[in-house]
Amino acid sequence: MDQEHQRPYFFFSYARRDYEAEDAFVNQFFNDLRDELGRLVGMGVRVEELAYRDTEQLRLGDDWAEKLAAMLARSRTMVALYSPAYFASLYCGKEWTAFRGRVRRHHEHTGELISALVPVLWEPVVPGELADEVSKIQWAQPDMGEAYARYGLRALLRTAQGEAYEQVVRVVAERVREAAARRLGELPEFDLGAVRGYFPPPAAPEAVSAPGMVRLFIAAGRASEAAAEGGSQTGGWYGAKPWHWAPYHPPIQPSLAARAQQVITAAGHTTTLEEVDSGLGGKLDQAREDSQVSVLLVDPWVAGAERYSSALREYDDQNHPVTGVMVPSGSADPPDGPGRDALWAGVRDVFRRNWLRRSDMEHLFRVKVSRESFDNELTIMVTVAQNKLMDDNLDWGDDGGDAFGLGPGGAPAMPGLSIPAGPPGPRQGPPARLDPGRGRTHLPHQSRGKDNAVPLRGDTDDDH
């Protein structure tokens, strides 16, 4: 078959850093997977028809971005090698998003859902740090083994766990064979450089230039209650009032509330502070009416306590679009195990609806926030809430979603993918912007336009 018209069984998507660090292992997995797939599909299929990998099939003089786009558009499946380096790579994000968009486009047009994007866990990643769209796709199943699910495929190769490794290869090859047997619709020609990927995660947005009011509400324990319960939280983590709670620096101040106020003040805003109580919903509504945003700081140890649970559950059942929630993971939390699982299960029980948003790119509900990331997470949260408040105060008309690149329904089906997704609709204008004096900034998930200088495949600037 002519290379220009081939439809490989799988497109191999990987990070250049992983290849450079462990090129022998990446090569071994690619070759073993291709060989196992060849065994499953039988005779009559040439090697180059089984898999596409840029290092093997790009030729002198090829336009690599154009070639990659063509193969992403035609390959029957894509095998994505998940790792921290993969999710930090600009072009891995473009490849993943383009292929995911192709799967969704096929589903929208035919009603058939083909699991053609096949993830392989190369090195452990933190699910909570991934885009929600990525987290939707399962990357492990029981017959792949516990060691694979916990440590990744690279660890199995490094520790010579041959039997466990071979089992994963067999499972992945079978998944590829099954998905490839169902014909996934091809994409028309598109510009891979113009695709706005789901990762890497966006940098913190610029601080808004116009000052605003941020109302802080805190739900935290007290030292007297902790001592009465006789638990492990009787040290310097708590004080006489909820706003004395210091999960990151026990028993050293500042408390979390004071630290939050410092971060918000440094961004040019003013703050108020009060305890969560039964009137929380009304206060949040009033804050929104007064053009103020709100942030809830919630102690996971007391989220389900009688004093707070009803107010927090009521919040979870309501719609408060300019309110953020942060639930820190303190230095006294139990290590991995039943105790830690029970702690976060309690938080999940209180925030049943919002728990599903914990990795959303909107960034208004964050759990297990570490000491190192607290300041940045809070800055992003306040900025996103301020921008949503700006949107809330303006009448965008019927095309408001389109003006922000979200399209009908308000959610990006294929972020930045410059291919037709169906019959032409009304012309979309450029992203709406406010005058600089009004203080609007870019939302973290909002595109800043097509890259003007696309890095070469594998350049150090991309780390693909």
Protein backbone atom coordinates (compact mmCIF):
# COMPACT_ATOMS: atom_id res chain seq x y z
CA MET A 1 0.00 0.00 0.00
CA ASP A 2 1.24 3.51 -0.89
CA GLN A 3 2.42 5.35 2.21
CA GLU A 4 0.23 8.32 1.26
CA HIS A 5 -2.90 6.17 1.57
CA GLN A 6 -2.07 3.69 4.31
CA ARG A 7 -4.25 3.36 7.40
CA PRO A 8 -1.96 1.97 10.15
CA TYR A 9 -3.54 -0.04 12.92
CA PHE A 10 -2.12 2.39 15.47
CA PHE A 11 -0.43 5.80 15.66
CA PHE A 12 2.25 5.77 18.38
CA SER A 13 2.08 8.99 20.44
CA TYR A 14 4.89 9.47 22.97
CA ALA A 15 7.00 12.17 24.63
CA ARG A 16 10.46 12.82 23.27
CA ARG A 17 11.78 13.10 26.85
CA ASP A 18 10.69 9.54 27.57
CA TYR A 19 12.33 8.34 24.37
CA GLU A 20 15.59 10.12 25.14
CA ALA A 21 15.65 8.96 28.76
CA GLU A 22 14.80 5.32 28.10
CA ASP A 23 15.04 4.92 24.33
CA ALA A 24 15.69 1.18 24.60
CA PHE A 25 12.53 0.64 26.67
CA VAL A 26 10.33 2.81 24.44
CA ASN A 27 11.70 1.00 21.39
CA GLN A 28 11.13 -2.37 23.02
CA PHE A 29 7.52 -1.66 23.85
CA PHE A 30 6.78 -0.27 20.38
CA ASN A 31 8.36 -3.28 18.67
CA ASP A 32 6.77 -5.82 21.03
CA LEU A 33 3.34 -4.25 20.63
CA ARG A 34 3.66 -4.19 16.85
CA ASP A 35 4.81 -7.83 16.79
CA GLU A 36 2.00 -8.99 19.07
CA LEU A 37 -0.55 -7.12 16.98
CA GLY A 38 0.88 -8.73 13.84
CA ARG A 39 0.40 -12.13 15.43
CA LEU A 40 -3.23 -11.30 16.28
CA VAL A 41 -4.22 -9.96 12.85
CA GLY A 42 -2.46 -12.76 10.99
CA MET A 43 -0.63 -13.01 7.71
CA GLY A 44 -0.97 -10.58 4.85
CA VAL A 45 -0.39 -7.33 6.78
CA ARG A 46 2.90 -5.59 6.17
CA VAL A 47 4.93 -4.21 9.07
CA GLU A 48 4.45 -0.59 7.99
CA GLU A 49 0.69 -1.13 7.92
CA LEU A 50 0.63 -2.18 11.57
CA ALA A 51 1.95 1.00 13.19
CA TYR A 52 3.06 4.55 12.49
CA ARG A 53 5.88 6.14 14.45
CA ASP A 54 7.58 9.35 13.39
CA THR A 55 11.16 8.22 14.08
CA GLU A 56 10.76 5.28 11.73
CA GLN A 57 8.66 6.64 8.89
CA LEU A 58 9.46 10.32 8.44
CA ARG A 59 11.73 10.69 5.41
CA LEU A 60 14.20 13.32 4.35
CA GLY A 61 12.34 16.36 3.09
CA ASP A 62 8.99 15.44 4.70
CA ASP A 63 6.92 18.20 6.28
CA TRP A 64 6.70 16.52 9.69
CA ALA A 65 3.66 18.46 10.99
CA GLU A 66 1.75 17.78 7.77
CA LYS A 67 2.71 14.10 7.85
CA LEU A 68 1.72 13.69 11.50
CA ALA A 69 -1.63 15.36 10.84
CA ALA A 70 -2.26 13.05 7.88
CA MET A 71 -1.50 9.95 9.93
CA LEU A 72 -3.57 11.16 12.89
CA ALA A 73 -6.42 11.64 10.43
CA ARG A 74 -6.12 8.12 8.97
CA SER A 75 -4.69 5.74 11.59
CA ARG A 76 -7.28 3.32 12.91
CA THR A 77 -6.31 3.84 16.57
CA MET A 78 -3.82 5.84 18.62
CA VAL A 79 -1.68 4.38 21.43
CA ALA A 80 -0.72 7.19 23.83
CA LEU A 81 2.21 6.66 26.20
CA TYR A 82 1.06 8.48 29.37
CA SER A 83 3.73 10.00 31.61
CA PRO A 84 4.47 13.34 33.29
CA ALA A 85 6.60 14.23 30.26
CA TYR A 86 3.71 13.36 27.91
CA PHE A 87 1.32 15.72 29.69
CA ALA A 88 3.95 18.48 29.71
CA SER A 89 4.44 18.28 25.94
CA LEU A 90 2.74 20.80 23.66
CA TYR A 91 2.68 18.51 20.64
CA CYS A 92 1.61 15.42 22.56
CA GLY A 93 -1.33 17.56 23.68
CA LYS A 94 -2.09 18.49 20.08
CA GLU A 95 -1.91 14.85 18.92
CA TRP A 96 -4.10 13.65 21.79
CA THR A 97 -6.68 16.38 21.27
CA ALA A 98 -6.84 15.93 17.49
CA PHE A 99 -7.39 12.18 17.76
CA ARG A 100 -9.85 12.52 20.63
CA GLY A 101 -11.72 15.05 18.52
CA ARG A 102 -11.80 12.58 15.65
CA VAL A 103 -13.36 9.92 17.90
CA ARG A 104 -15.98 12.37 19.18
CA ARG A 105 -16.72 13.62 15.66
CA HIS A 106 -17.33 10.03 14.50
CA HIS A 107 -19.66 9.48 17.44
CA GLU A 108 -21.62 12.66 16.72
CA HIS A 109 -22.05 11.80 13.05
CA THR A 110 -22.80 8.07 13.33
CA GLY A 111 -23.87 7.42 16.93
CA GLU A 112 -21.10 4.78 17.13
CA LEU A 113 -18.57 5.15 19.94
CA ILE A 114 -15.23 3.50 19.11
CA SER A 115 -12.62 3.27 21.86
CA ALA A 116 -9.84 4.00 19.39
CA LEU A 117 -7.70 6.12 21.75
CA VAL A 118 -5.78 3.52 23.75
CA PRO A 119 -3.79 4.92 26.71
CA VAL A 120 -0.77 3.10 28.13
CA LEU A 121 0.55 4.18 31.53
CA TRP A 122 4.29 4.57 31.02
CA GLU A 123 4.99 6.37 34.29
CA PRO A 124 2.55 7.26 37.11
CA VAL A 125 0.58 10.46 36.71
CA VAL A 126 -1.73 12.26 39.15
CA PRO A 127 -5.32 12.00 37.85
CA GLY A 128 -6.37 15.16 39.68
CA GLU A 129 -3.81 17.18 37.72
CA LEU A 130 -5.12 16.05 34.32
CA ALA A 131 -7.73 17.76 32.19
CA ASP A 132 -11.19 16.35 32.79
CA GLU A 133 -11.40 15.16 29.19
CA VAL A 134 -8.26 13.05 29.71
CA SER A 135 -9.49 11.59 33.01
CA LYS A 136 -12.65 10.30 31.34
CA ILE A 137 -10.69 7.59 29.49
CA GLN A 138 -9.74 4.50 31.50
CA TRP A 139 -6.06 3.55 31.23
CA ALA A 140 -6.00 0.33 33.26
CA GLN A 141 -8.09 -2.78 33.69
CA PRO A 142 -7.80 -5.72 36.15
CA ASP A 143 -6.07 -8.14 33.78
CA MET A 144 -3.21 -5.67 33.28
CA GLY A 145 -2.04 -6.28 36.84
CA GLU A 146 -1.68 -4.22 39.99
CA ALA A 147 2.01 -3.46 39.44
CA TYR A 148 1.25 -1.86 36.06
CA ALA A 149 -1.62 0.22 37.43
CA ARG A 150 0.51 1.47 40.31
CA TYR A 151 3.98 1.89 38.81
CA GLY A 152 3.51 1.97 35.03
CA LEU A 153 4.95 -0.07 32.19
CA ARG A 154 8.42 1.45 32.34
CA ALA A 155 8.86 0.11 35.88
CA LEU A 156 7.98 -3.41 34.72
CA LEU A 157 10.71 -3.21 32.08
CA ARG A 158 13.28 -1.71 34.45
CA THR A 159 12.68 -4.42 37.06
CA ALA A 160 12.58 -7.24 34.52
CA GLN A 161 9.04 -8.33 35.38
CA GLY A 162 8.76 -10.13 32.06
CA GLU A 163 5.52 -11.98 32.63
CA ALA A 164 3.65 -8.90 33.89
CA TYR A 165 5.04 -6.81 31.02
CA GLU A 166 4.05 -9.35 28.37
CA GLN A 167 0.52 -9.50 29.77
CA VAL A 168 0.13 -5.74 29.36
CA VAL A 169 1.42 -5.94 25.78
CA ARG A 170 -1.12 -8.64 25.00
CA VAL A 171 -4.00 -6.64 26.49
CA VAL A 172 -3.05 -3.46 24.61
CA ALA A 173 -2.59 -5.31 21.33
CA GLU A 174 -6.01 -6.91 21.70
CA ARG A 175 -7.61 -3.55 22.44
CA VAL A 176 -5.98 -2.10 19.31
CA ARG A 177 -7.12 -5.05 17.19
CA GLU A 178 -10.72 -4.77 18.43
CA ALA A 179 -10.94 -1.01 17.87
CA ALA A 180 -9.20 -1.17 14.50
CA ALA A 181 -11.76 -3.70 13.27
CA ARG A 182 -14.42 -0.96 13.49
CA ARG A 183 -13.77 1.68 10.87
CA LEU A 184 -13.25 5.07 12.51
CA GLY A 185 -14.15 7.96 10.25
CA GLU A 186 -11.19 9.82 8.79
CA LEU A 187 -10.58 13.54 9.22
CA PRO A 188 -10.30 16.00 6.36
CA GLU A 189 -7.02 17.86 6.04
CA PHE A 190 -6.24 20.00 9.10
CA ASP A 191 -3.41 22.07 10.56
CA LEU A 192 -1.90 20.29 13.56
CA GLY A 193 -0.10 23.47 14.62
CA ALA A 194 -3.44 25.22 15.03
CA VAL A 195 -4.87 22.61 17.39
CA ARG A 196 -5.27 23.91 20.94
CA GLY A 197 -4.54 20.86 23.07
CA TYR A 198 -6.03 19.88 26.41
CA PHE A 199 -2.53 19.86 27.88
CA PRO A 200 -0.05 20.96 29.08
CA PRO A 201 -2.09 22.79 31.76
CA PRO A 202 -2.35 26.54 31.34
CA ALA A 203 -0.13 28.92 33.23
CA ALA A 204 -1.63 31.14 35.85
CA PRO A 205 -3.61 33.95 34.25
CA GLU A 206 -2.50 37.53 34.60
CA ALA A 207 -3.87 39.28 37.65
CA VAL A 208 -6.86 41.47 36.88
CA SER A 209 -6.01 45.14 36.71
CA ALA A 210 -9.26 46.33 38.30
CA PRO A 211 -9.49 45.68 42.07
CA GLY A 212 -12.37 43.68 43.44
CA MET A 213 -13.82 42.31 46.65
CA VAL A 214 -13.22 38.63 47.50
CA ARG A 215 -15.33 37.20 50.30
CA LEU A 216 -13.64 34.35 52.16
CA PHE A 217 -15.71 31.77 54.04
CA ILE A 218 -14.01 29.20 56.23
CA ALA A 219 -15.13 25.85 57.59
CA ALA A 220 -12.50 24.51 60.00
CA GLY A 221 -12.08 22.88 63.37
CA ARG A 222 -11.32 24.39 66.75
CA ALA A 223 -8.65 23.31 69.19
CA SER A 224 -11.20 22.63 71.95
CA GLU A 225 -13.21 20.29 69.73
CA ALA A 226 -10.13 18.46 68.49
CA ALA A 227 -8.92 17.92 72.06
CA ALA A 228 -12.33 16.67 73.16
CA GLU A 229 -12.35 14.12 70.34
CA GLY A 230 -8.86 12.95 71.31
CA GLY A 231 -7.80 12.67 67.67
CA SER A 232 -4.46 13.35 66.03
CA GLN A 233 -5.54 16.90 65.23
CA THR A 234 -4.87 18.25 68.72
CA GLY A 235 -1.56 19.97 67.95
CA GLY A 236 -0.97 23.44 66.59
CA TRP A 237 -3.17 22.95 63.56
CA TYR A 238 -6.19 24.49 65.32
CA GLY A 239 -6.86 27.48 67.51
CA ALA A 240 -9.76 29.05 69.35
CA LYS A 241 -11.48 30.14 66.12
CA PRO A 242 -11.89 28.47 62.69
CA TRP A 243 -9.70 31.15 61.05
CA HIS A 244 -6.77 30.08 63.25
CA TRP A 245 -6.56 26.80 61.32
CA ALA A 246 -3.02 26.30 59.94
CA PRO A 247 -2.86 22.97 58.06
CA TYR A 248 0.46 23.73 56.35
CA HIS A 249 2.54 25.30 59.11
CA PRO A 250 1.60 23.80 62.49
CA PRO A 251 1.98 25.39 64.89
CA ILE A 252 3.57 28.32 63.03
CA GLN A 253 1.50 31.16 61.67
CA PRO A 254 0.20 32.53 59.38
CA SER A 255 -3.02 30.60 59.45
CA LEU A 256 -4.50 29.49 56.14
CA ALA A 257 -7.06 32.31 56.23
CA ALA A 258 -4.33 34.90 56.82
CA ARG A 259 -2.24 33.42 54.05
CA ALA A 260 -5.22 33.52 51.68
CA GLN A 261 -5.81 37.16 52.52
CA GLN A 262 -2.16 37.95 51.82
CA VAL A 263 -2.35 36.27 48.39
CA ILE A 264 -5.56 38.08 47.47
CA THR A 265 -4.31 41.43 48.72
CA ALA A 266 -1.08 41.01 46.75
CA ALA A 267 -3.23 40.58 43.62
CA GLY A 268 -4.77 44.00 44.27
CA HIS A 269 -8.10 42.98 45.85
CA THR A 270 -9.69 43.45 49.25
CA THR A 271 -11.17 40.66 51.36
CA THR A 272 -13.63 39.87 54.08
CA LEU A 273 -13.57 36.75 56.26
CA GLU A 274 -16.34 34.87 58.05
CA GLU A 275 -17.29 31.38 59.11
CA VAL A 276 -19.52 29.09 57.03
CA ASP A 277 -22.99 28.91 58.55
CA SER A 278 -26.58 28.07 57.65
CA GLY A 279 -26.98 31.33 55.74
CA LEU A 280 -24.13 30.57 53.33
CA GLY A 281 -26.26 30.28 50.18
CA GLY A 282 -27.92 33.65 50.70
CA LYS A 283 -24.59 35.33 51.41
CA LEU A 284 -23.08 33.93 48.20
CA ASP A 285 -26.08 35.13 46.20
CA GLN A 286 -25.82 38.57 47.75
CA ALA A 287 -22.07 38.72 47.04
CA ARG A 288 -22.75 37.98 43.39
CA GLU A 289 -25.44 40.68 43.29
CA ASP A 290 -22.87 43.10 44.74
CA SER A 291 -20.31 42.12 42.03
CA GLN A 292 -18.16 40.21 44.51
CA VAL A 293 -16.62 36.76 44.17
CA SER A 294 -16.32 34.23 47.00
CA VAL A 295 -13.95 31.45 48.03
CA LEU A 296 -14.70 28.67 50.53
CA LEU A 297 -11.73 27.29 52.50
CA VAL A 298 -12.80 23.90 53.81
CA ASP A 299 -11.02 21.70 56.34
CA PRO A 300 -11.50 18.09 55.11
CA TRP A 301 -11.59 16.84 58.71
CA VAL A 302 -14.75 18.78 59.53
CA ALA A 303 -16.50 19.04 56.14
CA GLY A 304 -19.01 16.43 57.28
CA ALA A 305 -19.34 17.73 60.82
CA GLU A 306 -22.81 18.74 62.01
CA ARG A 307 -21.87 22.44 62.20
CA TYR A 308 -20.95 22.65 58.50
CA SER A 309 -22.33 19.69 56.55
CA SER A 310 -25.84 21.02 55.87
CA ALA A 311 -24.56 24.41 54.64
CA LEU A 312 -21.91 22.79 52.41
CA ARG A 313 -24.37 20.24 51.00
CA GLU A 314 -26.81 23.06 50.29
CA TYR A 315 -24.03 24.91 48.46
CA ASP A 316 -23.28 21.77 46.46
CA ASP A 317 -26.93 21.52 45.36
CA GLN A 318 -27.09 25.13 44.22
CA ASN A 319 -25.54 27.09 41.37
CA HIS A 320 -22.90 29.59 42.50
CA PRO A 321 -20.84 30.25 39.35
CA VAL A 322 -18.53 32.90 40.84
CA THR A 323 -17.62 30.95 43.98
CA GLY A 324 -14.54 28.75 44.34
CA VAL A 325 -13.85 25.97 46.84
CA MET A 326 -10.41 24.90 48.12
CA VAL A 327 -9.90 21.84 50.31
CA PRO A 328 -6.22 21.59 51.39
CA SER A 329 -4.30 18.40 51.99
CA GLY A 330 -2.58 19.17 55.29
CA SER A 331 0.72 17.94 56.64
CA ALA A 332 -1.10 15.94 59.34
CA ASP A 333 -3.37 14.04 56.96
CA PRO A 334 -2.98 10.25 57.13
CA PRO A 335 -0.67 8.56 54.61
CA ASP A 336 -2.05 6.51 51.74
CA GLY A 337 -4.34 3.82 53.07
CA PRO A 338 -7.80 3.32 54.62
CA GLY A 339 -7.54 6.42 56.83
CA ARG A 340 -6.78 8.75 53.94
CA ASP A 341 -9.42 7.10 51.74
CA ALA A 342 -12.04 7.60 54.47
CA LEU A 343 -11.07 11.27 54.91
CA TRP A 344 -11.58 12.12 51.24
CA ALA A 345 -14.63 9.89 50.93
CA GLY A 346 -16.20 12.14 53.55
CA VAL A 347 -15.39 15.24 51.50
CA ARG A 348 -16.78 13.58 48.39
CA ASP A 349 -19.98 12.77 50.25
CA VAL A 350 -20.53 16.45 51.10
CA PHE A 351 -19.63 17.76 47.64
CA ARG A 352 -21.25 15.06 45.52
CA ARG A 353 -21.86 17.26 42.48
CA ASN A 354 -18.80 19.46 42.67
CA TRP A 355 -16.48 16.49 43.25
CA LEU A 356 -16.89 15.70 39.54
CA ARG A 357 -15.41 19.14 38.79
CA ARG A 358 -12.24 18.71 40.83
CA SER A 359 -10.02 18.51 37.72
CA ASP A 360 -12.04 20.82 35.48
CA MET A 361 -10.07 23.43 33.57
CA GLU A 362 -12.49 26.01 34.98
CA HIS A 363 -10.51 25.74 38.23
CA LEU A 364 -13.27 26.64 40.71
CA PHE A 365 -13.26 23.44 42.77
CA ARG A 366 -9.94 22.08 44.01
CA VAL A 367 -9.25 19.34 46.55
CA LYS A 368 -6.01 18.00 48.06
CA VAL A 369 -4.35 21.38 47.50
CA SER A 370 -0.74 21.17 48.65
CA ARG A 371 1.25 23.79 50.54
CA GLU A 372 3.45 24.36 47.48
CA SER A 373 0.55 24.97 45.10
CA PHE A 374 -1.87 26.87 47.38
CA ASP A 375 -0.86 30.43 46.43
CA ASN A 376 -0.96 29.75 42.68
CA GLU A 377 -4.19 27.76 42.86
CA LEU A 378 -5.90 30.54 44.82
CA THR A 379 -4.68 33.24 42.42
CA ILE A 380 -6.03 31.31 39.43
CA MET A 381 -9.33 30.61 41.20
CA VAL A 382 -9.93 34.27 42.08
CA THR A 383 -9.03 35.42 38.57
CA VAL A 384 -11.32 32.88 36.91
CA ALA A 385 -14.17 33.84 39.26
CA GLN A 386 -13.59 37.54 38.51
CA ASN A 387 -13.71 36.86 34.76
CA LYS A 388 -16.92 34.86 35.13
CA LEU A 389 -18.39 37.73 37.10
CA MET A 390 -17.47 40.07 34.23
CA ASP A 391 -19.25 37.75 31.79
CA ASP A 392 -22.22 37.54 34.13
CA ASN A 393 -22.58 41.32 34.15
CA LEU A 394 -22.61 41.65 30.36
CA ASP A 395 -25.34 40.66 27.90
CA TRP A 396 -23.52 38.64 25.24
CA GLY A 397 -26.69 37.75 23.34
CA ASP A 398 -27.40 34.38 21.75
CA ASP A 399 -23.86 33.91 20.43
CA GLY A 400 -22.08 34.51 23.75
CA GLY A 401 -20.76 30.96 23.84
CA ASP A 402 -19.42 31.22 20.30
CA ALA A 403 -17.70 34.50 21.09
CA PHE A 404 -15.51 32.67 23.59
CA GLY A 405 -14.77 29.79 21.22
CA LEU A 406 -17.10 27.42 23.08
CA GLY A 407 -19.62 26.93 20.30
CA PRO A 408 -23.21 25.76 20.70
CA GLY A 409 -23.80 24.16 24.06
CA GLY A 410 -20.98 26.07 25.73
CA ALA A 411 -18.37 23.30 25.71
CA PRO A 412 -15.44 22.85 23.28
CA ALA A 413 -15.96 19.55 21.49
CA MET A 414 -12.63 19.76 19.69
CA PRO A 415 -10.56 22.60 21.16
CA GLY A 416 -8.85 24.58 18.45
CA LEU A 417 -9.11 21.86 15.82
CA SER A 418 -9.41 23.76 12.55
CA ILE A 419 -11.45 21.24 10.60
CA PRO A 420 -15.13 21.28 9.73
CA ALA A 421 -17.22 19.55 12.40
CA GLY A 422 -20.41 19.57 10.34
CA PRO A 423 -22.40 21.86 8.08
CA PRO A 424 -21.15 25.46 8.13
CA GLY A 425 -22.89 27.61 10.74
CA PRO A 426 -22.94 31.31 11.43
CA ARG A 427 -19.58 32.97 11.18
CA GLN A 428 -17.80 33.04 14.52
CA GLY A 429 -16.21 36.30 15.54
CA PRO A 430 -12.91 36.70 17.38
CA PRO A 431 -12.85 36.07 21.14
CA ALA A 432 -14.65 38.89 22.91
CA ARG A 433 -12.45 41.16 24.98
CA LEU A 434 -13.14 44.02 27.32
CA ASP A 435 -11.26 47.28 27.26
CA PRO A 436 -8.04 47.05 29.32
CA GLY A 437 -9.56 49.40 31.85
CA ARG A 438 -12.33 46.93 32.58
CA GLY A 439 -9.77 44.40 33.80
CA ARG A 440 -10.71 41.28 31.84
CA THR A 441 -8.04 38.60 31.51
CA HIS A 442 -7.91 35.36 29.54
CA LEU A 443 -9.58 32.36 31.06
CA PRO A 444 -7.05 29.57 31.68
CA HIS A 445 -8.72 27.31 29.10
CA GLN A 446 -9.18 30.05 26.50
CA SER A 447 -7.03 29.93 23.38
CA ARG A 448 -4.62 32.78 22.74
CA GLY A 449 -4.66 32.02 19.03
CA LYS A 450 -2.61 30.00 16.62
CA ASP A 451 1.06 29.52 17.42
CA ASN A 452 3.13 31.85 15.24
CA ALA A 453 6.28 29.82 15.61
CA VAL A 454 5.62 26.10 15.73
CA PRO A 455 8.58 24.26 17.31
CA LEU A 456 10.22 21.56 15.29
CA ARG A 457 9.16 18.05 16.21
CA GLY A 458 11.29 17.13 19.17
CA ASP A 459 12.78 20.57 19.78
CA THR A 460 13.83 21.13 23.38
CA ASP A 461 11.30 23.95 23.60
CA ASP A 462 8.53 21.45 23.12
CA ASP A 463 10.04 18.46 24.94
CA HIS A 464 7.84 16.18 22.87
